[in-house]
């Protein structure tokens, strides 16, 4: 047995071919894009630049939208806090002026009638308290907002 093989049994070795990179072929102009029209390197550069610009614009827009939503939520919380604080202060105000209103009513009756009233000051205080509660219940607070945001604010306070 011979270690050498015959020439007829030998197969030719194929040459190594370079790996085709689509971007390299497009940049060199060796291949055509999917549309079938060959593009110059400058056109391809513009296309890639426009795509990158659009991607950056969309990312920035998403980031700004998220920041805006966060700022709006913070502002709405602040406004809600201020409105709640106003409601508490209004209730405290009505309670604090209750005694003064009783004294004013008694003084007015004294001046008009030129005598002391027969009404008990505690009973008058009850009348004043009920009257102030009705006044407070009938008081409405108006919040002025941009007309474009009215629906959003109504929904916010309805929840």
N, C-alpha and C. Protein backbone atom coordinates (compact mmCIF):
# COMPACT_ATOMS: atom_id res chain seq x y z
N UNK A 1 0.80 -1.17 0.00
CA UNK A 1 0.00 0.00 0.00
C UNK A 1 0.84 1.24 0.00
N UNK A 2 0.37 2.09 -0.74
CA UNK A 2 1.14 3.31 -0.92
C UNK A 2 0.46 4.43 -0.15
N UNK A 3 1.22 5.30 0.43
CA UNK A 3 0.68 6.42 1.19
C UNK A 3 0.31 7.58 0.30
N UNK A 4 0.76 7.56 -0.87
CA UNK A 4 0.40 8.64 -1.76
C UNK A 4 -0.84 8.25 -2.54
N UNK A 5 -1.69 9.17 -2.75
CA UNK A 5 -2.91 8.90 -3.50
C UNK A 5 -2.73 9.37 -4.92
N UNK A 6 -3.54 8.87 -5.74
CA UNK A 6 -3.41 9.22 -7.14
C UNK A 6 -3.96 10.62 -7.39
N UNK A 7 -3.54 11.21 -8.42
CA UNK A 7 -3.96 12.56 -8.77
C UNK A 7 -5.41 12.61 -9.13
N UNK A 8 -5.95 11.51 -9.61
CA UNK A 8 -7.36 11.48 -10.00
C UNK A 8 -8.27 11.55 -8.79
N UNK A 9 -7.79 11.06 -7.66
CA UNK A 9 -8.62 11.06 -6.46
C UNK A 9 -8.59 12.39 -5.72
N UNK A 10 -7.67 13.21 -6.02
CA UNK A 10 -7.56 14.51 -5.33
C UNK A 10 -8.64 15.45 -5.83
N UNK A 11 -9.25 16.17 -4.87
CA UNK A 11 -10.26 17.16 -5.23
C UNK A 11 -9.64 18.54 -5.12
N UNK A 12 -10.06 19.42 -6.00
CA UNK A 12 -9.46 20.76 -5.93
C UNK A 12 -9.95 21.51 -4.68
N UNK A 13 -9.09 22.25 -4.07
CA UNK A 13 -9.41 23.06 -2.89
C UNK A 13 -9.97 24.39 -3.38
N UNK A 14 -11.15 24.72 -2.86
CA UNK A 14 -11.75 25.99 -3.28
C UNK A 14 -11.05 27.15 -2.60
N UNK A 15 -11.04 28.25 -3.30
CA UNK A 15 -10.40 29.43 -2.74
C UNK A 15 -11.31 30.06 -1.69
N UNK A 16 -10.72 30.70 -0.71
CA UNK A 16 -11.49 31.38 0.34
C UNK A 16 -12.06 32.66 -0.23
N UNK A 17 -13.34 32.89 0.04
CA UNK A 17 -13.96 34.13 -0.44
C UNK A 17 -14.27 35.02 0.76
N UNK A 18 -14.17 36.32 0.57
CA UNK A 18 -14.43 37.23 1.70
C UNK A 18 -15.91 37.19 2.09
N UNK A 19 -16.16 37.44 3.39
CA UNK A 19 -17.54 37.48 3.91
C UNK A 19 -18.19 38.79 3.48
N UNK A 20 -19.35 38.73 2.87
CA UNK A 20 -19.96 39.97 2.36
C UNK A 20 -20.66 40.75 3.49
N UNK A 21 -20.25 41.95 3.74
CA UNK A 21 -20.90 42.86 4.68
C UNK A 21 -21.78 43.80 3.88
N UNK A 22 -23.04 43.84 4.23
CA UNK A 22 -23.99 44.66 3.46
C UNK A 22 -23.60 46.13 3.50
N UNK A 23 -23.20 46.63 4.68
CA UNK A 23 -22.86 48.05 4.79
C UNK A 23 -21.63 48.38 3.95
N UNK A 24 -20.66 47.46 3.95
CA UNK A 24 -19.44 47.70 3.19
C UNK A 24 -19.74 47.68 1.70
N UNK A 25 -20.60 46.77 1.27
CA UNK A 25 -20.95 46.72 -0.14
C UNK A 25 -21.74 47.95 -0.55
N UNK A 26 -22.65 48.40 0.35
CA UNK A 26 -23.42 49.61 0.03
C UNK A 26 -22.51 50.82 -0.04
N UNK A 27 -21.56 50.90 0.91
CA UNK A 27 -20.66 52.05 0.94
C UNK A 27 -19.73 52.05 -0.27
N UNK A 28 -19.32 50.87 -0.72
CA UNK A 28 -18.41 50.81 -1.86
C UNK A 28 -19.14 50.90 -3.18
N UNK A 29 -20.46 50.75 -3.15
CA UNK A 29 -21.23 50.81 -4.37
C UNK A 29 -21.25 49.49 -5.11
N UNK A 30 -20.73 48.42 -4.50
CA UNK A 30 -20.67 47.12 -5.16
C UNK A 30 -22.03 46.46 -5.23
N UNK A 31 -22.91 46.78 -4.32
CA UNK A 31 -24.23 46.14 -4.31
C UNK A 31 -25.29 47.22 -4.40
N UNK A 32 -26.46 46.81 -4.74
CA UNK A 32 -27.57 47.75 -4.82
C UNK A 32 -28.49 47.52 -3.64
N UNK A 33 -29.12 48.55 -3.13
CA UNK A 33 -30.04 48.37 -2.03
C UNK A 33 -31.29 47.63 -2.48
N UNK A 34 -32.18 47.36 -1.55
CA UNK A 34 -33.37 46.55 -1.83
C UNK A 34 -34.23 47.14 -2.94
N UNK A 35 -34.25 48.43 -3.10
CA UNK A 35 -35.07 49.05 -4.13
C UNK A 35 -34.53 48.82 -5.52
N UNK A 36 -33.31 48.40 -5.65
CA UNK A 36 -32.76 48.13 -6.96
C UNK A 36 -31.99 49.31 -7.53
N UNK A 37 -32.05 50.48 -6.94
CA UNK A 37 -31.33 51.65 -7.43
C UNK A 37 -30.00 51.75 -6.69
N UNK A 38 -28.92 51.83 -7.43
CA UNK A 38 -27.64 51.98 -6.74
C UNK A 38 -27.56 53.37 -6.10
N UNK A 39 -27.05 53.42 -4.87
CA UNK A 39 -26.90 54.69 -4.18
C UNK A 39 -25.42 55.02 -4.07
N UNK A 40 -25.16 56.28 -4.13
CA UNK A 40 -23.78 56.70 -3.94
C UNK A 40 -23.50 56.71 -2.44
N UNK A 41 -22.24 56.76 -2.12
CA UNK A 41 -21.84 56.78 -0.71
C UNK A 41 -22.43 58.00 -0.02
N UNK A 42 -22.51 59.11 -0.74
CA UNK A 42 -23.06 60.33 -0.15
C UNK A 42 -24.54 60.18 0.17
N UNK A 43 -25.28 59.56 -0.75
CA UNK A 43 -26.71 59.34 -0.52
C UNK A 43 -26.93 58.39 0.65
N UNK A 44 -26.10 57.36 0.70
CA UNK A 44 -26.22 56.41 1.80
C UNK A 44 -25.90 57.07 3.13
N UNK A 45 -24.89 57.92 3.10
CA UNK A 45 -24.53 58.65 4.32
C UNK A 45 -25.68 59.53 4.77
N UNK A 46 -26.31 60.21 3.82
CA UNK A 46 -27.46 61.06 4.16
C UNK A 46 -28.62 60.22 4.71
N UNK A 47 -28.84 59.07 4.09
CA UNK A 47 -29.92 58.19 4.54
C UNK A 47 -29.66 57.71 5.97
N UNK A 48 -28.43 57.26 6.22
CA UNK A 48 -28.08 56.81 7.57
C UNK A 48 -28.16 57.95 8.57
N UNK A 49 -27.71 59.13 8.16
CA UNK A 49 -27.76 60.29 9.04
C UNK A 49 -29.20 60.67 9.35
N UNK A 50 -30.06 60.63 8.35
CA UNK A 50 -31.47 60.96 8.57
C UNK A 50 -32.13 59.94 9.50
N UNK A 51 -31.80 58.67 9.32
CA UNK A 51 -32.36 57.64 10.19
C UNK A 51 -31.87 57.82 11.62
N UNK A 52 -30.59 58.12 11.79
CA UNK A 52 -30.05 58.35 13.13
C UNK A 52 -30.67 59.59 13.76
N UNK A 53 -30.85 60.63 12.96
CA UNK A 53 -31.48 61.86 13.46
C UNK A 53 -32.90 61.57 13.93
N UNK A 54 -33.66 60.84 13.13
CA UNK A 54 -35.04 60.51 13.48
C UNK A 54 -35.10 59.68 14.76
N UNK A 55 -34.19 58.74 14.87
CA UNK A 55 -34.15 57.90 16.07
C UNK A 55 -33.83 58.77 17.30
N UNK A 56 -32.88 59.66 17.17
CA UNK A 56 -32.54 60.57 18.27
C UNK A 56 -33.68 61.50 18.62
N UNK A 57 -34.38 61.99 17.59
CA UNK A 57 -35.52 62.88 17.82
C UNK A 57 -36.62 62.17 18.59
N UNK A 58 -36.90 60.93 18.19
CA UNK A 58 -37.94 60.16 18.87
C UNK A 58 -37.56 59.86 20.32
N UNK A 59 -36.29 59.53 20.54
CA UNK A 59 -35.83 59.26 21.91
C UNK A 59 -35.94 60.52 22.77
N UNK A 60 -35.54 61.66 22.21
CA UNK A 60 -35.64 62.92 22.95
C UNK A 60 -37.10 63.28 23.23
N UNK A 61 -37.96 63.04 22.26
CA UNK A 61 -39.38 63.32 22.44
C UNK A 61 -39.97 62.46 23.55
N UNK A 62 -39.62 61.19 23.59
CA UNK A 62 -40.10 60.31 24.66
C UNK A 62 -39.60 60.77 26.02
N UNK A 63 -38.34 61.17 26.08
CA UNK A 63 -37.77 61.64 27.34
C UNK A 63 -38.45 62.92 27.79
N UNK A 64 -38.66 63.85 26.87
CA UNK A 64 -39.34 65.10 27.23
C UNK A 64 -40.78 64.86 27.65
N UNK A 65 -41.45 63.94 26.98
CA UNK A 65 -42.83 63.61 27.35
C UNK A 65 -42.88 63.06 28.78
N UNK A 66 -41.93 62.19 29.11
CA UNK A 66 -41.87 61.62 30.46
C UNK A 66 -41.59 62.71 31.50
N UNK A 67 -40.67 63.62 31.18
CA UNK A 67 -40.37 64.72 32.09
C UNK A 67 -41.58 65.64 32.26
N UNK A 68 -42.30 65.90 31.18
CA UNK A 68 -43.48 66.75 31.24
C UNK A 68 -44.56 66.11 32.11
N UNK A 69 -44.79 64.82 31.92
CA UNK A 69 -45.79 64.11 32.73
C UNK A 69 -45.41 64.16 34.20
N UNK A 70 -44.14 64.00 34.49
CA UNK A 70 -43.67 64.05 35.88
C UNK A 70 -43.89 65.45 36.46
N UNK A 71 -43.55 66.48 35.69
CA UNK A 71 -43.74 67.85 36.16
C UNK A 71 -45.22 68.17 36.35
N UNK A 72 -46.07 67.70 35.43
CA UNK A 72 -47.51 67.92 35.57
C UNK A 72 -48.06 67.24 36.81
N UNK A 73 -47.62 66.02 37.06
CA UNK A 73 -48.08 65.30 38.25
C UNK A 73 -47.66 66.04 39.51
N UNK A 74 -46.44 66.56 39.52
CA UNK A 74 -45.95 67.31 40.68
C UNK A 74 -46.76 68.59 40.87
N UNK A 75 -47.03 69.31 39.79
CA UNK A 75 -47.82 70.54 39.88
C UNK A 75 -49.24 70.26 40.35
N UNK A 76 -49.83 69.18 39.85
CA UNK A 76 -51.19 68.83 40.27
C UNK A 76 -51.23 68.49 41.75
N UNK A 77 -50.20 67.82 42.24
CA UNK A 77 -50.14 67.52 43.67
C UNK A 77 -50.04 68.81 44.48
N UNK A 78 -49.23 69.73 44.02
CA UNK A 78 -49.08 71.00 44.72
C UNK A 78 -50.41 71.76 44.74
N UNK A 79 -51.09 71.79 43.62
CA UNK A 79 -52.37 72.50 43.55
C UNK A 79 -53.40 71.83 44.45
N UNK A 80 -53.41 70.51 44.46
CA UNK A 80 -54.33 69.78 45.33
C UNK A 80 -54.03 70.10 46.79
N UNK A 81 -52.77 70.13 47.14
CA UNK A 81 -52.38 70.47 48.51
C UNK A 81 -52.81 71.88 48.89
N UNK A 82 -52.62 72.82 47.99
CA UNK A 82 -53.02 74.21 48.26
C UNK A 82 -54.53 74.31 48.42
N UNK A 83 -55.28 73.62 47.57
CA UNK A 83 -56.74 73.66 47.68
C UNK A 83 -57.22 73.03 48.98
N UNK A 84 -56.60 71.94 49.39
CA UNK A 84 -56.97 71.31 50.66
C UNK A 84 -56.63 72.23 51.83
N UNK A 85 -55.47 72.86 51.76
CA UNK A 85 -55.08 73.80 52.81
C UNK A 85 -56.05 74.98 52.86
N UNK A 86 -56.48 75.45 51.71
CA UNK A 86 -57.44 76.55 51.66
C UNK A 86 -58.76 76.14 52.31
N UNK A 87 -59.22 74.92 52.05
CA UNK A 87 -60.47 74.44 52.65
C UNK A 87 -60.36 74.39 54.16
N UNK A 88 -59.23 73.93 54.68
CA UNK A 88 -59.02 73.88 56.13
C UNK A 88 -58.99 75.29 56.71
N UNK A 89 -58.27 76.19 56.06
CA UNK A 89 -58.19 77.57 56.55
C UNK A 89 -59.55 78.26 56.52
N UNK A 90 -60.35 77.96 55.51
CA UNK A 90 -61.68 78.55 55.43
C UNK A 90 -62.55 78.06 56.59
N UNK A 91 -62.48 76.76 56.90
CA UNK A 91 -63.23 76.23 58.03
C UNK A 91 -62.77 76.86 59.34
N UNK A 92 -61.46 77.00 59.50
CA UNK A 92 -60.92 77.64 60.71
C UNK A 92 -61.37 79.09 60.81
N UNK A 93 -61.42 79.77 59.69
CA UNK A 93 -61.86 81.17 59.69
C UNK A 93 -63.30 81.28 60.17
N UNK A 94 -64.19 80.44 59.62
CA UNK A 94 -65.59 80.51 60.03
C UNK A 94 -65.75 80.19 61.51
N UNK A 95 -64.96 79.27 62.02
CA UNK A 95 -65.03 78.96 63.46
C UNK A 95 -64.52 80.13 64.29
N UNK A 96 -63.48 80.80 63.82
CA UNK A 96 -62.90 81.89 64.60
C UNK A 96 -63.79 83.13 64.63
N UNK A 97 -64.56 83.37 63.57
CA UNK A 97 -65.40 84.57 63.55
C UNK A 97 -66.77 84.33 64.17
N UNK A 98 -67.05 83.09 64.53
CA UNK A 98 -68.37 82.76 65.08
C UNK A 98 -68.69 83.60 66.32
N UNK A 99 -67.78 83.66 67.26
CA UNK A 99 -68.00 84.44 68.49
C UNK A 99 -68.14 85.93 68.20
N UNK A 100 -67.34 86.42 67.28
CA UNK A 100 -67.42 87.84 66.92
C UNK A 100 -68.77 88.17 66.28
N UNK A 101 -69.30 87.26 65.50
CA UNK A 101 -70.60 87.49 64.86
C UNK A 101 -71.70 87.53 65.91
N UNK A 102 -71.60 86.67 66.92
CA UNK A 102 -72.59 86.68 68.01
C UNK A 102 -72.55 88.03 68.72
N UNK A 103 -71.36 88.49 69.05
CA UNK A 103 -71.23 89.79 69.73
C UNK A 103 -71.74 90.93 68.85
N UNK A 104 -71.46 90.85 67.56
CA UNK A 104 -71.93 91.88 66.63
C UNK A 104 -73.45 91.87 66.54
N UNK A 105 -74.05 90.69 66.50
CA UNK A 105 -75.51 90.60 66.43
C UNK A 105 -76.15 91.18 67.69
N UNK A 106 -75.58 90.87 68.85
CA UNK A 106 -76.12 91.41 70.11
C UNK A 106 -75.95 92.92 70.17
N UNK A 107 -74.80 93.42 69.74
CA UNK A 107 -74.57 94.86 69.75
C UNK A 107 -75.50 95.56 68.78
N UNK A 108 -75.73 94.96 67.61
CA UNK A 108 -76.65 95.56 66.63
C UNK A 108 -78.07 95.61 67.19
N UNK A 109 -78.50 94.54 67.83
CA UNK A 109 -79.85 94.52 68.42
C UNK A 109 -79.97 95.57 69.51
N UNK A 110 -78.92 95.73 70.32
CA UNK A 110 -78.93 96.72 71.39
C UNK A 110 -79.07 98.12 70.81
N UNK A 111 -78.33 98.42 69.75
CA UNK A 111 -78.39 99.75 69.14
C UNK A 111 -79.75 100.01 68.51
N UNK A 112 -80.26 99.00 67.81
CA UNK A 112 -81.53 99.19 67.11
C UNK A 112 -82.69 99.26 68.08
N UNK A 113 -82.72 98.34 69.04
CA UNK A 113 -83.85 98.26 69.96
C UNK A 113 -83.67 99.14 71.20
N UNK A 114 -82.49 99.64 71.40
CA UNK A 114 -82.14 100.45 72.56
C UNK A 114 -82.37 99.68 73.85
N UNK A 115 -82.20 98.38 73.80
CA UNK A 115 -82.30 97.57 75.01
C UNK A 115 -81.62 96.23 74.75
N UNK A 116 -81.41 95.49 75.82
CA UNK A 116 -80.82 94.16 75.71
C UNK A 116 -81.83 93.19 75.13
N UNK A 117 -81.35 92.27 74.38
CA UNK A 117 -82.26 91.27 73.82
C UNK A 117 -82.52 90.19 74.86
N UNK A 118 -83.63 89.56 74.73
CA UNK A 118 -83.99 88.49 75.65
C UNK A 118 -83.45 87.14 75.18
N UNK A 119 -82.73 87.16 74.09
CA UNK A 119 -82.20 85.93 73.50
C UNK A 119 -80.92 85.53 74.21
N UNK A 120 -80.82 84.27 74.55
CA UNK A 120 -79.63 83.73 75.21
C UNK A 120 -78.46 83.75 74.21
N UNK A 121 -77.29 84.26 74.60
CA UNK A 121 -76.14 84.30 73.69
C UNK A 121 -75.75 82.92 73.17
N UNK A 122 -75.97 81.87 73.99
CA UNK A 122 -75.63 80.52 73.52
C UNK A 122 -76.58 80.07 72.42
N UNK A 123 -77.86 80.45 72.55
CA UNK A 123 -78.82 80.11 71.49
C UNK A 123 -78.47 80.86 70.22
N UNK A 124 -78.09 82.12 70.38
CA UNK A 124 -77.68 82.93 69.23
C UNK A 124 -76.43 82.33 68.59
N UNK A 125 -75.51 81.82 69.42
CA UNK A 125 -74.30 81.20 68.89
C UNK A 125 -74.66 79.98 68.05
N UNK A 126 -75.65 79.22 68.47
CA UNK A 126 -76.11 78.07 67.69
C UNK A 126 -76.67 78.50 66.35
N UNK A 127 -77.46 79.57 66.38
CA UNK A 127 -78.02 80.10 65.13
C UNK A 127 -76.90 80.56 64.19
N UNK A 128 -75.93 81.25 64.77
CA UNK A 128 -74.79 81.73 63.97
C UNK A 128 -74.02 80.55 63.39
N UNK A 129 -73.79 79.52 64.20
CA UNK A 129 -73.05 78.35 63.73
C UNK A 129 -73.76 77.70 62.54
N UNK A 130 -75.07 77.51 62.67
CA UNK A 130 -75.84 76.90 61.58
C UNK A 130 -75.78 77.78 60.34
N UNK A 131 -75.91 79.09 60.54
CA UNK A 131 -75.86 80.02 59.41
C UNK A 131 -74.49 79.97 58.73
N UNK A 132 -73.43 79.94 59.52
CA UNK A 132 -72.08 79.88 58.93
C UNK A 132 -71.85 78.55 58.21
N UNK A 133 -72.38 77.46 58.74
CA UNK A 133 -72.24 76.17 58.06
C UNK A 133 -72.96 76.19 56.72
N UNK A 134 -74.14 76.83 56.69
CA UNK A 134 -74.85 76.95 55.41
C UNK A 134 -74.07 77.83 54.44
N UNK A 135 -73.50 78.90 54.99
CA UNK A 135 -72.69 79.80 54.16
C UNK A 135 -71.49 79.05 53.59
N UNK A 136 -70.82 78.28 54.45
CA UNK A 136 -69.65 77.53 54.00
C UNK A 136 -70.03 76.46 52.97
N UNK A 137 -71.15 75.79 53.20
CA UNK A 137 -71.59 74.76 52.26
C UNK A 137 -71.99 75.37 50.92
N UNK A 138 -72.49 76.58 50.95
CA UNK A 138 -72.91 77.23 49.72
C UNK A 138 -71.79 77.94 49.00
N UNK A 139 -70.62 78.00 49.63
CA UNK A 139 -69.48 78.68 49.02
C UNK A 139 -68.82 77.75 48.01
N UNK A 140 -68.57 78.28 46.84
CA UNK A 140 -67.88 77.49 45.83
C UNK A 140 -66.53 78.14 45.53
N UNK A 141 -65.59 77.30 45.20
CA UNK A 141 -64.25 77.77 44.85
C UNK A 141 -64.09 77.57 43.35
N UNK A 142 -63.63 78.59 42.68
CA UNK A 142 -63.42 78.52 41.23
C UNK A 142 -61.92 78.46 40.96
N UNK A 143 -61.51 77.46 40.22
CA UNK A 143 -60.12 77.30 39.81
C UNK A 143 -60.05 77.63 38.32
N UNK A 144 -59.30 78.65 37.99
CA UNK A 144 -59.18 79.06 36.59
C UNK A 144 -57.97 78.37 35.97
N UNK A 145 -58.21 77.63 34.88
CA UNK A 145 -57.15 76.91 34.18
C UNK A 145 -57.24 77.20 32.69
N UNK A 146 -56.21 76.80 31.99
CA UNK A 146 -56.20 76.92 30.55
C UNK A 146 -57.37 76.11 29.98
N UNK A 147 -58.16 76.69 29.09
CA UNK A 147 -59.31 75.96 28.54
C UNK A 147 -58.94 74.61 27.91
N UNK A 148 -57.75 74.49 27.39
CA UNK A 148 -57.33 73.22 26.80
C UNK A 148 -57.15 72.13 27.85
N UNK A 149 -56.92 72.54 29.11
CA UNK A 149 -56.67 71.58 30.18
C UNK A 149 -57.88 71.35 31.07
N UNK A 150 -59.01 71.96 30.75
CA UNK A 150 -60.20 71.86 31.59
C UNK A 150 -60.65 70.43 31.79
N UNK A 151 -60.71 69.66 30.74
CA UNK A 151 -61.16 68.27 30.85
C UNK A 151 -60.23 67.46 31.74
N UNK A 152 -58.92 67.69 31.61
CA UNK A 152 -57.96 66.96 32.44
C UNK A 152 -58.16 67.28 33.91
N UNK A 153 -58.38 68.58 34.23
CA UNK A 153 -58.57 68.96 35.64
C UNK A 153 -59.88 68.42 36.19
N UNK A 154 -60.93 68.44 35.39
CA UNK A 154 -62.21 67.88 35.86
C UNK A 154 -62.05 66.40 36.18
N UNK A 155 -61.35 65.69 35.30
CA UNK A 155 -61.11 64.27 35.53
C UNK A 155 -60.25 64.07 36.79
N UNK A 156 -59.26 64.94 36.96
CA UNK A 156 -58.36 64.82 38.11
C UNK A 156 -59.11 64.99 39.43
N UNK A 157 -59.99 65.99 39.51
CA UNK A 157 -60.72 66.23 40.75
C UNK A 157 -61.89 65.28 40.93
N UNK A 158 -62.34 64.66 39.87
CA UNK A 158 -63.44 63.69 39.98
C UNK A 158 -62.95 62.39 40.62
N UNK A 159 -61.66 62.10 40.44
CA UNK A 159 -61.11 60.83 40.97
C UNK A 159 -60.88 60.88 42.44
